[in-house]
Protein backbone atom coordinates (compact mmCIF):
# COMPACT_ATOMS: atom_id res chain seq x y z
CA UNK A 1 100.21 134.49 15.38
CA UNK A 2 97.98 134.01 12.32
CA UNK A 3 100.89 132.53 10.35
CA UNK A 4 101.61 130.06 13.17
CA UNK A 5 97.95 129.10 13.26
CA UNK A 6 97.76 128.24 9.56
CA UNK A 7 101.19 126.55 9.49
CA UNK A 8 100.12 124.29 12.34
CA UNK A 9 96.83 123.41 10.63
CA UNK A 10 98.56 122.59 7.32
CA UNK A 11 101.15 120.33 8.96
CA UNK A 12 98.54 118.70 11.19
CA UNK A 13 96.28 117.85 8.25
CA UNK A 14 99.25 116.62 6.23
CA UNK A 15 100.24 114.20 9.01
CA UNK A 16 96.66 112.91 9.32
CA UNK A 17 96.51 112.24 5.57
CA UNK A 18 99.89 110.51 5.74
CA UNK A 19 98.92 108.22 8.60
CA UNK A 20 95.64 107.40 6.87
CA UNK A 21 97.57 106.42 3.76
CA UNK A 22 99.52 103.89 5.80
CA UNK A 23 96.32 101.90 6.37
CA UNK A 24 94.36 100.78 9.41
CA UNK A 25 96.69 97.92 10.26
CA UNK A 26 99.72 100.15 10.68
CA UNK A 27 97.77 102.61 12.84
CA UNK A 28 96.69 99.86 15.22
CA UNK A 29 99.91 97.80 15.20
CA UNK A 30 103.11 99.66 14.45
CA UNK A 31 105.83 97.68 12.73
CA UNK A 32 109.45 98.82 13.34
CA UNK A 33 109.48 100.84 10.10
CA UNK A 34 106.23 102.59 10.98
CA UNK A 35 107.43 103.33 14.51
CA UNK A 36 110.57 104.98 13.14
CA UNK A 37 108.48 106.93 10.64
CA UNK A 38 106.18 108.18 13.40
CA UNK A 39 109.07 109.47 15.49
CA UNK A 40 110.70 111.22 12.52
CA UNK A 41 107.45 112.80 11.37
CA UNK A 42 106.82 114.28 14.82
CA UNK A 43 110.20 116.02 14.73
CA UNK A 44 109.82 117.21 11.14
CA UNK A 45 106.41 118.73 11.89
CA UNK A 46 107.47 120.32 15.19
CA UNK A 47 110.31 122.43 13.73
CA UNK A 48 108.26 124.37 11.10
CA UNK A 49 105.51 124.90 13.67
CA UNK A 50 107.89 126.69 16.03
CA UNK A 51 110.46 128.30 13.73
CA UNK A 52 108.65 130.99 11.72
CA UNK A 53 111.86 131.92 9.92
CA UNK A 54 111.94 128.50 8.29
CA UNK A 55 109.88 128.25 5.07
CA UNK A 56 106.95 125.88 5.43
CA UNK A 57 108.06 123.94 2.38
CA UNK A 58 111.16 122.82 4.33
CA UNK A 59 108.85 120.82 6.57
CA UNK A 60 106.30 119.72 3.97
CA UNK A 61 108.78 118.27 1.45
CA UNK A 62 110.58 115.92 3.90
CA UNK A 63 107.24 114.72 5.29
CA UNK A 64 105.86 113.95 1.82
CA UNK A 65 109.17 112.29 0.85
CA UNK A 66 109.05 110.00 3.89
CA UNK A 67 105.40 109.12 3.28
CA UNK A 68 106.11 108.27 -0.35
CA UNK A 69 109.11 106.17 0.68
CA UNK A 70 106.96 104.34 3.20
CA UNK A 71 104.27 103.63 0.62
CA UNK A 72 106.91 102.28 -1.79
CA UNK A 73 108.37 100.04 0.91
CA UNK A 74 104.87 98.81 1.79
CA UNK A 75 104.29 97.73 -1.81
CA UNK A 76 107.72 96.08 -2.00
CA UNK A 77 107.25 94.19 1.26
CA UNK A 78 103.91 92.86 -0.02
CA UNK A 79 105.71 91.38 -3.03
CA UNK A 80 108.96 90.26 -1.40
CA UNK A 81 108.97 87.85 1.54
CA UNK A 82 112.70 88.38 2.11
CA UNK A 83 112.40 92.18 2.26
CA UNK A 84 109.39 91.88 4.57
CA UNK A 85 111.41 89.69 6.92
CA UNK A 86 114.26 92.23 6.94
CA UNK A 87 112.11 95.28 7.60
CA UNK A 88 109.36 93.79 9.77
CA UNK A 89 111.03 90.74 11.28
CA UNK A 90 109.50 87.29 11.73
CA UNK A 91 107.10 85.90 14.34
CA UNK A 92 108.90 84.00 17.09
CA UNK A 93 107.56 80.87 18.83
CA UNK A 94 108.43 81.41 22.51
CA UNK A 95 106.37 78.53 23.91
CA UNK A 96 105.80 75.21 22.17
CA UNK A 97 103.83 72.24 23.49
CA UNK A 98 103.81 73.66 27.00
CA UNK A 99 107.59 74.15 27.08
CA UNK A 100 109.52 77.42 26.98
CA UNK A 101 111.71 78.01 23.93
CA UNK A 102 114.56 79.61 25.86
CA UNK A 103 116.86 80.24 22.89
CA UNK A 104 114.09 82.03 21.02
CA UNK A 105 113.21 84.07 24.11
CA UNK A 106 116.85 85.19 24.35
CA UNK A 107 116.84 86.22 20.68
CA UNK A 108 113.79 88.44 21.12
CA UNK A 109 114.97 89.53 24.61
CA UNK A 110 111.76 88.40 26.29
CA UNK A 111 111.92 87.54 29.97
CA UNK A 112 109.90 84.86 31.71
CA UNK A 113 108.11 87.57 33.71
CA UNK A 114 107.03 89.34 30.52
CA UNK A 115 105.77 86.09 28.99
CA UNK A 116 103.80 85.15 32.10
CA UNK A 117 102.32 88.65 32.24
CA UNK A 118 101.13 88.43 28.63
CA UNK A 119 99.60 85.02 29.31
CA UNK A 120 97.83 86.27 32.43
CA UNK A 121 96.35 89.14 30.43
CA UNK A 122 94.73 86.48 28.25
CA UNK A 123 93.46 84.55 31.29
CA UNK A 124 96.09 81.80 31.13
CA UNK A 125 98.03 80.71 34.24
CA UNK A 126 98.98 77.12 33.34
CA UNK A 127 101.75 76.86 30.75
CA UNK A 128 100.99 73.19 30.09
CA UNK A 129 97.65 74.17 28.52
CA UNK A 130 99.41 76.19 25.79
CA UNK A 131 100.35 74.48 22.55
CA UNK A 132 101.90 77.57 20.94
CA UNK A 133 102.68 81.09 22.11
CA UNK A 134 103.92 83.28 19.28
CA UNK A 135 105.45 86.73 19.62
CA UNK A 136 104.21 88.61 16.56
CA UNK A 137 106.19 91.27 14.72
CA UNK A 138 103.87 93.93 16.19
CA UNK A 139 104.91 92.89 19.72
CA UNK A 140 101.61 91.19 20.60
CA UNK A 141 101.48 87.60 21.84
CA UNK A 142 99.26 85.10 20.04
CA UNK A 143 98.30 82.05 22.09
CA UNK A 144 96.90 78.74 20.84
CA UNK A 145 95.64 76.34 23.52
CA UNK A 146 95.36 72.60 23.29
CA UNK A 147 91.96 71.50 22.02
CA UNK A 148 90.85 70.14 25.41
CA UNK A 149 91.54 73.52 27.01
CA UNK A 150 89.84 75.69 24.40
CA UNK A 151 86.41 77.20 25.17
CA UNK A 152 83.46 75.11 24.07
CA UNK A 153 81.44 76.29 21.09
CA UNK A 154 77.70 75.81 20.39
CA UNK A 155 78.65 73.47 17.53
CA UNK A 156 80.56 71.17 19.88
CA UNK A 157 77.58 71.11 22.25
CA UNK A 158 75.13 70.60 19.35
CA UNK A 159 73.27 73.75 20.35
CA UNK A 160 71.39 75.43 17.49
CA UNK A 161 72.29 79.06 17.01
CA UNK A 162 71.66 81.85 14.55
CA UNK A 163 74.24 83.89 12.69
CA UNK A 164 74.47 87.38 14.19
CA UNK A 165 73.69 90.34 11.95
CA UNK A 166 75.70 93.55 11.87
CA UNK A 167 73.82 96.58 13.25
CA UNK A 168 74.09 99.56 10.91
CA UNK A 169 73.71 103.14 12.14
CA UNK A 170 70.67 104.79 10.54
CA UNK A 171 70.37 107.90 12.75
CA UNK A 172 73.43 109.42 14.37
CA UNK A 173 72.75 112.32 16.76
CA UNK A 174 69.62 113.39 14.89
CA UNK A 175 71.10 112.98 11.41
CA UNK A 176 69.64 110.37 9.05
CA UNK A 177 72.28 108.43 7.09
CA UNK A 178 70.31 107.77 3.90
CA UNK A 179 73.12 105.80 2.24
CA UNK A 180 73.17 103.23 5.01
CA UNK A 181 69.36 103.21 5.19
CA UNK A 182 69.14 102.30 1.52
CA UNK A 183 71.99 99.80 1.83
CA UNK A 184 69.82 97.81 4.23
CA UNK A 185 66.94 97.96 1.75
CA UNK A 186 64.84 100.35 3.82
CA UNK A 187 63.44 103.80 3.00
CA UNK A 188 62.22 106.93 4.78
CA UNK A 189 58.68 105.54 5.02
CA UNK A 190 59.97 102.54 6.96
CA UNK A 191 62.06 104.85 9.15
CA UNK A 192 59.10 107.11 9.98
CA UNK A 193 57.09 104.05 10.96
CA UNK A 194 59.84 102.91 13.30
CA UNK A 195 60.00 106.37 14.87
CA UNK A 196 56.22 106.57 15.42
CA UNK A 197 56.23 103.16 17.12
CA UNK A 198 58.76 104.59 19.58
CA UNK A 199 56.87 107.86 20.11
CA UNK A 200 59.24 110.03 18.08
CA UNK A 201 57.91 112.49 15.53
CA UNK A 202 61.22 113.67 14.10
CA UNK A 203 64.65 112.06 13.54
CA UNK A 204 66.23 115.05 15.33
CA UNK A 205 64.76 113.69 18.57
CA UNK A 206 66.79 110.49 18.22
CA UNK A 207 70.38 110.18 19.44
CA UNK A 208 71.05 106.74 17.93
CA UNK A 209 69.07 104.32 15.82
CA UNK A 210 70.54 101.14 14.38
CA UNK A 211 69.03 98.33 12.33
CA UNK A 212 70.22 95.09 10.78
CA UNK A 213 69.19 92.90 7.86
CA UNK A 214 66.85 90.86 10.05
CA UNK A 215 64.81 93.93 11.01
CA UNK A 216 66.05 94.26 14.59
CA UNK A 217 65.99 97.96 15.56
CA UNK A 218 67.74 99.64 18.48
CA UNK A 219 66.74 103.23 19.29
CA UNK A 220 67.87 105.75 21.89
CA UNK A 221 66.31 109.22 22.19
CA UNK A 222 68.16 112.40 23.00
CA UNK A 223 68.31 113.44 26.64
């Protein structure tokens, strides 16, 4: 039982490191190569977890080999457009100037029902308002509307607006993140002042406190 426990932990951590090495984009949007890798890795990790007679190295070596191969292919696809097209495919325009590209839809095996569903998910029901609908290599649909059908912006309406600032977490569940506090140009003295203004005597009483470069502070105490 103890051996199974540690074997599982080792393989689990190895897979996490491997997926992290692939980058955030691959985690959120799996390309065909990454999808295949994910399926293979799950099988390679499952066998050593269950078969105690199989040396752990028999599961670790193939996993590391596949991760290394994937990293090499990632570098090569960044440098070679042709290889990237072979491994990842190319985006397909399935709707152009309000008209369906039927030949392209047949190539990517996309039905009209699937296209309409994807458009409805983006709040679009009128095909004539769409200039381009592009099926990306990740399987998501990118839609570009005609200018007259795009949402108005403050600039078009000549409405003055300010650039939003990014709130940075300073206190997370009672813990002060000094690195982020100093990154904003603040210090502990400033933080204590903010806490006193909100009737807190200690950071441990705060569940969340964020601040931005403009000095806007958001604070929530622990329940």
